[in-house]
Amino acid sequence: MSASEYQAVMGRRNAIMKSAVGLDYSNYESGSLAFDYEGLMAATGLSMQDVLAVMQDYGVGNTPLLELKNITALARKYAGPGRGARILVKDEACNPSGSFKARRAALSVHIAKRLGYKGVITATSGNYGAAVASCCAKAGLACIVVQECYDARGIGQPEIVEKARKCEALGAEVVQLSVGPELFYVFLRLLEDTGYFNASLYTPYAIQGVESLGHELATQCQGLYGQAPAAVIATNAGGGNLTGTARGMRKAGCDAPLIAASVDLSGLHMASDSQFNRKSFTTGHTGFGMPFTTWPDRSDVPRSAARPLRYLSRYVTVTQGEVFYMTEMLAVLEGMERGPAGNTSLAAAFAIAQELPWEALLVVQETEYTGAGKHQNAQLDFARRQGIDILTGCPKDQVPGRTIILPEHPGQLGVKDLDLARLRRSLISRALEGAKHPPEALDLAFLAEETGADAAFVAETIQQLQEEQHETT
């Protein structure tokens, strides 16, 4: 791959994406930096009932909402009097491919087939690839999964290797690559060469697929318990999980607060070859969660339909050791072996439940399947072989990429709150950098929606940024 060839392909990216998604994003651009987000979402022409019908056709969704009675009882032992909400979990591992991403995939594959594409391509570490492969098998479409898998030594994380196995078992062709810019280049070339549909995680189709999860969750809470959840916790990476869930809940008439949870991998660069295998989580961590929250359009489509700051009310982090500990707790106390992504939210829920009254419902929004490579023992063993120290003690003392600290007792499980005002400020700053001209009223209204803040916050933030820029010049 020559530099000139790389630049030429990247220069055609918008045209390639337009052809591969079936959407003309320029139709929704307006103002200096604004775009018509709701117009983009409505462009699919699909109602919630249409989406639910597609889920049913693909055997996706309608997953159980389970009460974790033993974990709830344990959380109450560490809570104050009258505290300790009932912890519920939406068991998305029951989907055909083993994760909530089957919802994203079902709607994307449905659209690809309806539009006449012969195949589908997706770039993913694996869970979504398996979901797309599963749905393509049902639809009779070809499937290619492009997977960032190895470091320069040719060593792949056991979780990613396990996901590749699952993709191949479901009929996909898996293209495995090393970490770095090669992934997006190869992805674009394959889209261009095959003419296949881009089943991006960030199209309106993918987000509307997840809306079915939020809608189900809210409906089940009312039907089973006669009340709305006090809060819903969603593992956050690229923001689609949280965005779709929030939108689906609202369409079901539920405005419960939505809390984002990510694994704290601060200090590790996700595109660094030397650091790639020094993390034990391939998704649901701050390496994706932070940059996608403050810059959603860093995705593989011109405008991402995942806009997390519009919907979240709180953002917390947990540590790797806490998630592994919670994974074992779920198996030992509830008889459920599930993978780490959903257990990120569950680790957060154990602590947050202690803030809420007994009668409240706290919903963990998804689980994922586990397997040999995804199991916590495999991941801890791999971490040891990469030189990571596995210790017991206070999990908050971890140093990502150097140590994983397993709690000594459940009372050490906790959350760290991130500063939403700082995240909102970062988004506004990035948006202004890409503005074509000074923001207009339309742009200011867009930024207020985009940050989940009000117009006064946006105006004040812009003034502060301008003053800071003036001082530095």
Protein backbone atom coordinates (compact mmCIF):
# COMPACT_ATOMS: atom_id res chain seq x y z
CA MET A 1 0.00 0.00 0.00
CA SER A 2 1.68 3.20 -1.19
CA ALA A 3 1.04 6.56 0.45
CA SER A 4 -0.49 7.89 -2.76
CA GLU A 5 -2.83 4.92 -3.06
CA TYR A 6 -3.90 5.33 0.56
CA GLN A 7 -4.60 9.05 0.07
CA ALA A 8 -6.54 8.37 -3.13
CA VAL A 9 -8.83 5.86 -1.44
CA MET A 10 -9.33 8.11 1.58
CA GLY A 11 -10.15 10.96 -0.78
CA ARG A 12 -13.02 8.89 -2.21
CA ARG A 13 -14.38 7.93 1.19
CA ASN A 14 -17.53 10.07 1.05
CA ALA A 15 -18.48 8.77 -2.40
CA ILE A 16 -17.78 5.19 -1.33
CA MET A 17 -19.88 5.61 1.81
CA LYS A 18 -22.77 7.20 -0.06
CA SER A 19 -22.89 4.25 -2.44
CA ALA A 20 -22.52 1.68 0.34
CA VAL A 21 -25.11 3.06 2.79
CA GLY A 22 -27.87 4.29 0.50
CA LEU A 23 -28.10 7.67 2.27
CA ASP A 24 -27.05 11.08 1.02
CA TYR A 25 -25.88 12.79 4.19
CA SER A 26 -25.53 16.15 2.47
CA ASN A 27 -29.34 16.40 2.44
CA TYR A 28 -29.25 16.93 6.20
CA GLU A 29 -26.49 19.53 6.45
CA SER A 30 -27.43 23.07 7.48
CA GLY A 31 -25.92 26.18 9.01
CA SER A 32 -22.22 26.36 9.78
CA LEU A 33 -21.92 23.14 11.73
CA ALA A 34 -25.47 21.94 12.39
CA PHE A 35 -27.26 19.09 10.69
CA ASP A 36 -30.82 17.81 10.83
CA TYR A 37 -30.33 14.85 13.15
CA GLU A 38 -34.00 13.95 13.49
CA GLY A 39 -34.41 14.30 9.74
CA LEU A 40 -31.58 11.82 9.23
CA MET A 41 -33.17 9.38 11.68
CA ALA A 42 -36.56 9.73 9.98
CA ALA A 43 -35.03 9.08 6.54
CA THR A 44 -35.38 5.33 7.07
CA GLY A 45 -39.16 5.67 6.94
CA LEU A 46 -39.48 2.99 9.63
CA SER A 47 -41.83 3.23 12.62
CA MET A 48 -41.18 1.45 15.90
CA GLN A 49 -43.72 -1.18 14.89
CA ASP A 50 -41.82 -1.72 11.63
CA VAL A 51 -38.58 -2.16 13.57
CA LEU A 52 -40.15 -4.63 16.01
CA ALA A 53 -41.56 -6.60 13.08
CA VAL A 54 -38.08 -6.89 11.56
CA MET A 55 -36.70 -8.09 14.90
CA GLN A 56 -39.36 -10.78 15.07
CA ASP A 57 -38.67 -11.86 11.48
CA TYR A 58 -34.99 -12.40 12.30
CA GLY A 59 -35.66 -14.09 15.64
CA VAL A 60 -34.04 -11.18 17.48
CA GLY A 61 -35.23 -9.43 20.63
CA ASN A 62 -38.03 -10.21 23.05
CA THR A 63 -35.30 -11.15 25.52
CA PRO A 64 -36.06 -11.68 29.22
CA LEU A 65 -35.75 -9.02 31.91
CA LEU A 66 -34.35 -10.84 34.94
CA GLU A 67 -34.14 -9.76 38.57
CA LEU A 68 -30.76 -10.48 40.16
CA LYS A 69 -32.09 -11.21 43.64
CA ASN A 70 -28.89 -12.55 45.16
CA ILE A 71 -26.71 -9.72 43.86
CA THR A 72 -29.33 -7.22 45.02
CA ALA A 73 -29.28 -8.79 48.50
CA LEU A 74 -25.50 -8.53 48.60
CA ALA A 75 -25.54 -4.88 47.51
CA ARG A 76 -28.00 -4.10 50.31
CA LYS A 77 -25.52 -5.40 52.88
CA TYR A 78 -23.21 -2.55 51.93
CA ALA A 79 -25.92 0.11 51.56
CA GLY A 80 -27.39 2.40 54.17
CA PRO A 81 -30.81 1.78 55.80
CA GLY A 82 -33.59 1.50 53.22
CA ARG A 83 -31.08 1.63 50.38
CA GLY A 84 -30.30 -0.96 47.74
CA ALA A 85 -32.43 -0.87 44.58
CA ARG A 86 -33.60 -4.04 42.88
CA ILE A 87 -31.08 -4.82 40.14
CA LEU A 88 -32.58 -6.10 36.89
CA VAL A 89 -30.72 -7.21 33.78
CA LYS A 90 -31.93 -7.44 30.18
CA ASP A 91 -30.46 -10.74 29.04
CA GLU A 92 -29.42 -9.91 25.48
CA ALA A 93 -27.17 -12.97 25.39
CA CYS A 94 -30.37 -14.79 24.42
CA ASN A 95 -30.21 -13.28 20.93
CA PRO A 96 -29.11 -15.67 18.13
CA SER A 97 -25.57 -14.26 17.97
CA GLY A 98 -25.30 -13.71 21.72
CA SER A 99 -25.45 -9.92 22.10
CA PHE A 100 -27.69 -6.87 21.74
CA LYS A 101 -25.87 -6.08 18.49
CA ALA A 102 -28.15 -8.57 16.78
CA ARG A 103 -30.70 -5.74 16.88
CA ARG A 104 -28.40 -3.40 14.98
CA ALA A 105 -27.54 -6.13 12.52
CA ALA A 106 -31.10 -7.31 11.86
CA LEU A 107 -32.30 -3.91 10.71
CA SER A 108 -29.13 -3.19 8.70
CA VAL A 109 -29.29 -6.54 6.90
CA HIS A 110 -33.02 -6.10 6.32
CA ILE A 111 -32.33 -2.74 4.62
CA ALA A 112 -29.43 -4.18 2.59
CA LYS A 113 -31.64 -6.95 1.25
CA ARG A 114 -34.52 -4.56 0.56
CA LEU A 115 -32.22 -2.23 -1.40
CA GLY A 116 -30.87 -5.11 -3.50
CA TYR A 117 -27.31 -5.42 -2.17
CA LYS A 118 -25.73 -8.86 -2.64
CA GLY A 119 -23.67 -8.74 0.50
CA VAL A 120 -22.77 -6.81 3.64
CA ILE A 121 -19.45 -5.65 5.10
CA THR A 122 -18.74 -4.47 8.61
CA ALA A 123 -15.62 -3.36 10.48
CA THR A 124 -15.71 -4.57 14.10
CA SER A 125 -13.72 -6.40 16.74
CA GLY A 126 -16.32 -9.14 16.66
CA ASN A 127 -19.65 -9.13 18.53
CA TYR A 128 -21.27 -7.04 15.84
CA GLY A 129 -19.58 -9.08 13.13
CA ALA A 130 -21.12 -12.24 14.55
CA ALA A 131 -24.49 -10.52 14.64
CA VAL A 132 -24.22 -9.40 11.01
CA ALA A 133 -23.05 -12.87 9.96
CA SER A 134 -26.00 -14.47 11.72
CA CYS A 135 -28.53 -12.16 10.08
CA CYS A 136 -26.87 -12.46 6.66
CA ALA A 137 -27.17 -16.24 6.93
CA LYS A 138 -30.92 -15.86 7.46
CA ALA A 139 -31.23 -13.33 4.65
CA GLY A 140 -29.11 -15.25 2.16
CA LEU A 141 -26.54 -12.45 1.79
CA ALA A 142 -22.76 -12.67 1.70
CA CYS A 143 -20.92 -11.28 4.72
CA ILE A 144 -17.39 -9.94 5.18
CA VAL A 145 -16.09 -8.91 8.61
CA VAL A 146 -12.99 -6.71 8.75
CA GLN A 147 -11.38 -7.16 12.14
CA GLU A 148 -8.55 -5.32 13.88
CA CYS A 149 -7.00 -8.32 15.57
CA TYR A 150 -3.20 -8.41 15.92
CA ASP A 151 -0.29 -6.30 17.04
CA ALA A 152 2.96 -6.13 15.05
CA ARG A 153 4.10 -9.40 16.62
CA GLY A 154 1.09 -11.22 15.16
CA ILE A 155 -0.41 -11.73 18.63
CA GLY A 156 -4.19 -11.48 18.94
CA GLN A 157 -6.21 -11.00 22.11
CA PRO A 158 -8.14 -14.15 23.07
CA GLU A 159 -11.45 -12.27 23.11
CA ILE A 160 -10.95 -11.02 19.54
CA VAL A 161 -9.82 -14.44 18.32
CA GLU A 162 -12.93 -15.99 19.90
CA LYS A 163 -15.13 -13.45 18.14
CA ALA A 164 -13.47 -14.27 14.80
CA ARG A 165 -14.24 -17.94 15.37
CA LYS A 166 -17.88 -17.11 15.96
CA CYS A 167 -18.07 -14.92 12.84
CA GLU A 168 -16.63 -17.71 10.71
CA ALA A 169 -18.90 -20.30 12.29
CA LEU A 170 -21.88 -18.18 11.19
CA GLY A 171 -20.65 -18.07 7.60
CA ALA A 172 -18.72 -14.81 7.38
CA GLU A 173 -15.41 -14.25 5.63
CA VAL A 174 -13.14 -12.66 8.24
CA VAL A 175 -10.32 -10.34 7.17
CA GLN A 176 -7.95 -9.95 10.12
CA LEU A 177 -5.64 -6.95 10.27
CA SER A 178 -3.09 -5.41 12.60
CA VAL A 179 -3.84 -2.29 14.60
CA GLY A 180 -3.58 1.05 12.80
CA PRO A 181 -4.91 2.95 9.75
CA GLU A 182 -4.86 -0.21 7.62
CA LEU A 183 -8.31 -1.18 8.92
CA PHE A 184 -10.28 1.71 7.45
CA TYR A 185 -8.32 1.63 4.19
CA VAL A 186 -9.04 -2.08 3.65
CA PHE A 187 -12.66 -1.55 4.68
CA LEU A 188 -13.11 1.18 2.05
CA ARG A 189 -11.39 -0.87 -0.65
CA LEU A 190 -13.63 -3.86 0.03
CA LEU A 191 -16.76 -1.70 -0.09
CA GLU A 192 -15.65 -0.21 -3.38
CA ASP A 193 -14.55 -3.49 -4.95
CA THR A 194 -17.57 -5.57 -3.92
CA GLY A 195 -20.37 -3.00 -4.04
CA TYR A 196 -21.66 -4.46 -0.76
CA PHE A 197 -23.71 -2.63 1.86
CA ASN A 198 -21.88 -0.93 4.74
CA ALA A 199 -23.52 -2.27 7.89
CA SER A 200 -21.94 0.48 9.95
CA LEU A 201 -22.61 0.63 13.66
CA TYR A 202 -23.44 4.31 13.24
CA THR A 203 -26.15 4.52 10.58
CA PRO A 204 -29.77 5.38 11.47
CA TYR A 205 -30.63 1.73 10.74
CA ALA A 206 -28.23 0.48 13.40
CA ILE A 207 -29.48 2.94 16.00
CA GLN A 208 -33.15 2.25 15.24
CA GLY A 209 -32.42 -1.44 15.71
CA VAL A 210 -31.25 -0.70 19.26
CA GLU A 211 -34.36 1.42 19.84
CA SER A 212 -36.24 -1.88 20.00
CA LEU A 213 -34.18 -2.76 23.09
CA GLY A 214 -35.07 0.46 24.92
CA HIS A 215 -38.72 0.08 23.95
CA GLU A 216 -38.84 -3.53 25.19
CA LEU A 217 -37.04 -2.68 28.41
CA ALA A 218 -39.46 0.09 29.31
CA THR A 219 -42.51 -1.98 28.39
CA GLN A 220 -41.32 -4.98 30.41
CA CYS A 221 -40.64 -2.88 33.51
CA GLN A 222 -44.21 -1.56 33.44
CA GLY A 223 -45.70 -4.95 32.66
CA LEU A 224 -43.73 -6.97 35.22
CA TYR A 225 -43.31 -4.45 38.04
CA GLY A 226 -45.90 -1.75 37.38
CA GLN A 227 -43.33 1.04 37.44
CA ALA A 228 -40.64 2.69 35.37
CA PRO A 229 -36.98 2.14 36.22
CA ALA A 230 -35.32 4.67 38.50
CA ALA A 231 -32.36 4.55 36.11
CA VAL A 232 -30.95 2.46 33.27
CA ILE A 233 -27.23 1.76 32.93
CA ALA A 234 -25.70 1.11 29.49
CA THR A 235 -22.14 0.11 28.71
CA ASN A 236 -20.73 2.87 26.52
CA ALA A 237 -18.20 2.69 23.71
CA GLY A 238 -19.17 4.29 20.40
CA GLY A 239 -22.44 5.62 21.84
CA GLY A 240 -24.90 3.64 19.71
CA ASN A 241 -25.96 1.35 22.52
CA LEU A 242 -26.83 4.28 24.75
CA THR A 243 -28.40 6.40 22.00
CA GLY A 244 -30.68 3.68 20.67
CA THR A 245 -31.75 2.57 24.13
CA ALA A 246 -32.64 6.13 25.17
CA ARG A 247 -34.63 6.79 22.00
CA GLY A 248 -36.53 3.52 22.34
CA MET A 249 -37.35 4.21 25.98
CA ARG A 250 -38.73 7.62 25.07
CA LYS A 251 -40.87 6.12 22.33
CA ALA A 252 -42.34 3.84 24.99
CA GLY A 253 -43.10 6.87 27.19
CA CYS A 254 -40.24 6.27 29.63
CA ASP A 255 -37.93 9.17 30.52
CA ALA A 256 -35.85 7.40 33.18
CA PRO A 257 -32.28 8.72 33.55
CA LEU A 258 -29.73 6.90 31.41
CA ILE A 259 -26.27 6.31 32.89
CA ALA A 260 -23.25 5.48 30.73
CA ALA A 261 -20.60 3.12 32.11
CA SER A 262 -17.15 2.45 30.66
CA VAL A 263 -14.04 0.59 31.79
CA ASP A 264 -11.31 3.04 32.77
CA LEU A 265 -8.41 2.55 30.35
CA SER A 266 -7.13 6.11 30.64
CA GLY A 267 -3.56 6.50 29.44
CA LEU A 268 -3.77 3.77 26.82
CA HIS A 269 -3.97 4.78 23.16
CA MET A 270 -6.29 2.51 21.21
CA ALA A 271 -4.42 2.95 17.92
CA SER A 272 -1.01 2.24 19.43
CA ASP A 273 0.54 -1.05 18.39
CA SER A 274 2.60 -1.30 21.58
CA GLN A 275 -0.45 -0.65 23.79
CA PHE A 276 -3.05 -2.64 21.82
CA ASN A 277 -2.56 -5.85 23.81
CA ARG A 278 -2.03 -4.12 27.15
CA LYS A 279 -5.78 -3.76 27.59
CA SER A 280 -8.09 -6.62 28.47
CA PHE A 281 -11.26 -5.12 26.99
CA THR A 282 -11.94 -4.67 23.29
CA THR A 283 -15.07 -2.55 23.77
CA GLY A 284 -16.98 -0.69 26.46
CA HIS A 285 -13.92 1.26 27.61
CA THR A 286 -12.87 4.90 27.75
CA GLY A 287 -10.61 4.51 24.70
CA PHE A 288 -13.80 4.53 22.64
CA GLY A 289 -16.29 6.03 25.07
CA MET A 290 -14.52 9.33 25.68
CA PRO A 291 -13.59 10.34 22.11
CA PHE A 292 -16.91 9.18 20.63
CA THR A 293 -18.84 11.10 23.28
CA THR A 294 -17.04 14.34 22.49
CA TRP A 295 -16.68 13.79 18.74
CA PRO A 296 -19.38 11.41 17.44
CA ASP A 297 -18.54 11.96 13.76
CA ARG A 298 -15.19 10.19 14.06
CA SER A 299 -17.10 7.11 12.81
CA ASP A 300 -17.07 5.37 9.43
CA VAL A 301 -20.03 7.40 8.07
CA PRO A 302 -20.14 11.18 7.48
CA ARG A 303 -22.61 11.77 10.30
CA SER A 304 -22.97 9.30 13.14
CA ALA A 305 -26.49 8.55 14.33
CA ALA A 306 -25.00 7.78 17.76
CA ARG A 307 -25.01 11.03 19.75
CA PRO A 308 -24.59 9.99 23.42
CA LEU A 309 -24.37 13.42 25.08
CA ARG A 310 -27.90 14.15 23.87
CA TYR A 311 -29.23 11.38 26.08
CA LEU A 312 -27.01 10.53 29.04
CA SER A 313 -27.58 12.03 32.47
CA ARG A 314 -24.47 10.61 34.14
CA TYR A 315 -21.23 8.98 32.99
CA VAL A 316 -19.27 6.68 35.32
CA THR A 317 -16.23 4.46 34.98
CA VAL A 318 -15.25 1.19 36.64
CA THR A 319 -11.95 -0.69 36.56
CA GLN A 320 -10.97 -3.87 34.75
CA GLY A 321 -10.57 -5.71 38.04
CA GLU A 322 -14.07 -4.73 39.15
CA VAL A 323 -15.61 -6.03 35.93
CA PHE A 324 -13.78 -9.37 36.15
CA TYR A 325 -14.84 -9.66 39.80
CA MET A 326 -18.46 -8.92 38.87
CA THR A 327 -18.32 -11.46 36.04
CA GLU A 328 -17.44 -14.18 38.55
CA MET A 329 -20.04 -12.87 41.02
CA LEU A 330 -22.77 -13.13 38.39
CA ALA A 331 -21.82 -16.75 37.69
CA VAL A 332 -21.47 -17.79 41.34
CA LEU A 333 -24.49 -15.97 42.79
CA GLU A 334 -26.95 -16.02 39.87
CA GLY A 335 -25.81 -19.00 37.78
CA MET A 336 -25.23 -16.81 34.69
CA GLU A 337 -21.96 -16.91 32.76
CA ARG A 338 -21.86 -13.77 30.65
CA GLY A 339 -19.16 -11.75 28.91
CA PRO A 340 -17.48 -8.57 30.15
CA ALA A 341 -19.28 -5.87 28.12
CA GLY A 342 -22.61 -6.09 29.93
CA ASN A 343 -20.85 -6.78 33.20
CA THR A 344 -19.25 -3.35 32.93
CA SER A 345 -22.71 -1.90 33.54
CA LEU A 346 -23.44 -4.52 36.18
CA ALA A 347 -20.31 -3.59 38.14
CA ALA A 348 -21.50 0.02 38.08
CA ALA A 349 -25.04 -1.03 39.03
CA PHE A 350 -23.80 -2.81 42.17
CA ALA A 351 -22.48 0.51 43.48
CA ILE A 352 -25.24 2.77 42.16
CA ALA A 353 -27.98 0.52 43.57
CA GLN A 354 -26.68 1.41 47.02
CA GLU A 355 -27.58 5.07 46.35
CA LEU A 356 -31.25 4.25 45.63
CA PRO A 357 -34.17 3.12 47.81
CA TRP A 358 -35.24 -0.54 48.07
CA GLU A 359 -38.37 -0.10 45.99
CA ALA A 360 -36.51 1.42 43.03
CA LEU A 361 -35.68 -0.57 39.89
CA LEU A 362 -32.16 -0.24 38.48
CA VAL A 363 -31.85 -1.84 35.04
CA VAL A 364 -28.65 -3.13 33.48
CA GLN A 365 -29.53 -2.82 29.84
CA GLU A 366 -27.70 -5.80 28.30
CA THR A 367 -25.65 -8.95 28.66
CA GLU A 368 -23.42 -10.67 26.10
CA TYR A 369 -22.46 -14.29 25.51
CA THR A 370 -19.18 -15.64 26.79
CA GLY A 371 -16.83 -18.25 25.36
CA ALA A 372 -13.36 -19.69 25.82
CA GLY A 373 -11.55 -16.54 24.68
CA LYS A 374 -13.99 -14.10 26.27
CA HIS A 375 -13.91 -15.74 29.71
CA GLN A 376 -12.27 -13.69 32.44
CA ASN A 377 -9.70 -16.41 33.18
CA ALA A 378 -8.50 -16.40 29.56
CA GLN A 379 -8.23 -12.63 29.57
CA LEU A 380 -6.37 -12.51 32.88
CA ASP A 381 -3.97 -15.23 31.69
CA PHE A 382 -3.31 -13.27 28.49
CA ALA A 383 -2.71 -10.10 30.51
CA ARG A 384 -0.11 -11.91 32.64
CA ARG A 385 1.70 -13.05 29.50
CA GLN A 386 1.82 -9.44 28.32
CA GLY A 387 3.55 -8.41 31.53
CA ILE A 388 0.48 -7.04 33.35
CA ASP A 389 0.55 -7.61 37.12
CA ILE A 390 -2.65 -9.27 38.41
CA LEU A 391 -3.13 -8.25 42.04
CA THR A 392 -5.79 -8.15 44.74
CA GLY A 393 -6.46 -5.01 46.72
CA CYS A 394 -8.16 -1.68 46.06
CA PRO A 395 -9.24 -1.73 42.38
CA LYS A 396 -9.06 2.07 42.09
CA ASP A 397 -5.26 1.79 42.50
CA GLN A 398 -4.95 0.15 39.09
CA VAL A 399 -2.66 1.57 36.42
CA PRO A 400 -4.14 0.65 33.02
CA GLY A 401 -1.64 -1.27 30.95
CA ARG A 402 0.44 -2.15 34.01
CA THR A 403 -1.85 -3.64 36.66
CA ILE A 404 -5.26 -5.24 37.02
CA ILE A 405 -6.40 -5.21 40.65
CA LEU A 406 -9.21 -7.55 41.71
CA PRO A 407 -11.25 -6.37 44.73
CA GLU A 408 -10.75 -8.18 48.01
CA HIS A 409 -14.46 -7.89 48.88
CA PRO A 410 -17.68 -6.55 47.29
CA GLY A 411 -17.57 -3.38 49.36
CA GLN A 412 -14.67 -2.17 47.20
CA LEU A 413 -16.82 -2.02 44.07
CA GLY A 414 -17.50 1.60 43.20
CA VAL A 415 -17.84 4.10 40.38
CA LYS A 416 -15.99 7.25 39.38
CA ASP A 417 -18.14 10.04 37.94
CA LEU A 418 -16.89 11.89 34.89
CA ASP A 419 -17.44 15.63 34.54
CA LEU A 420 -20.25 16.05 31.99
CA ALA A 421 -19.65 19.80 31.74
CA ARG A 422 -16.09 19.09 30.64
CA LEU A 423 -17.28 16.59 28.03
CA ARG A 424 -19.84 19.09 26.73
CA ARG A 425 -17.19 21.78 26.51
CA SER A 426 -14.93 19.43 24.57
CA LEU A 427 -17.68 18.69 22.06
CA ILE A 428 -18.41 22.39 21.52
CA SER A 429 -14.71 23.11 21.07
CA ARG A 430 -14.34 20.38 18.43
CA ALA A 431 -17.47 21.51 16.64
CA LEU A 432 -16.21 25.09 16.42
CA GLU A 433 -12.90 23.89 14.97
CA GLY A 434 -14.77 22.40 12.03
CA ALA A 435 -17.22 25.27 11.52
CA LYS A 436 -17.36 26.84 8.06
CA HIS A 437 -18.04 30.30 9.50
CA PRO A 438 -19.05 31.79 12.91
CA PRO A 439 -22.00 29.88 14.37
CA GLU A 440 -25.50 31.15 13.72
CA ALA A 441 -28.64 30.79 15.84
CA LEU A 442 -29.35 27.46 14.13
CA ASP A 443 -25.90 26.19 15.09
CA LEU A 444 -26.26 27.30 18.71
CA ALA A 445 -29.58 25.49 19.01
CA PHE A 446 -27.96 22.40 17.49
CA LEU A 447 -25.10 22.50 20.00
CA ALA A 448 -27.56 22.77 22.87
CA GLU A 449 -29.31 19.60 21.65
CA GLU A 450 -26.01 17.92 20.91
CA THR A 451 -24.64 18.45 24.42
CA GLY A 452 -27.87 17.87 26.33
CA ALA A 453 -27.41 21.36 27.78
CA ASP A 454 -29.21 24.67 27.37
CA ALA A 455 -28.52 27.68 25.17
CA ALA A 456 -27.00 29.64 28.07
CA PHE A 457 -24.38 26.92 28.67
CA VAL A 458 -23.48 26.87 24.98
CA ALA A 459 -23.16 30.65 24.76
CA GLU A 460 -21.07 30.83 27.93
CA THR A 461 -18.79 28.03 26.76
CA ILE A 462 -18.20 29.64 23.37
CA GLN A 463 -17.35 32.94 25.05
CA GLN A 464 -14.86 31.19 27.37
CA LEU A 465 -13.23 29.38 24.45
CA GLN A 466 -12.90 32.62 22.48
CA GLU A 467 -11.37 34.42 25.47
CA GLU A 468 -8.88 31.59 26.00
CA GLN A 469 -7.92 31.64 22.32
CA HIS A 470 -7.45 35.42 22.48
CA GLU A 471 -5.19 35.09 25.53
CA THR A 472 -2.97 32.52 23.85
CA THR A 473 -2.57 34.68 20.73
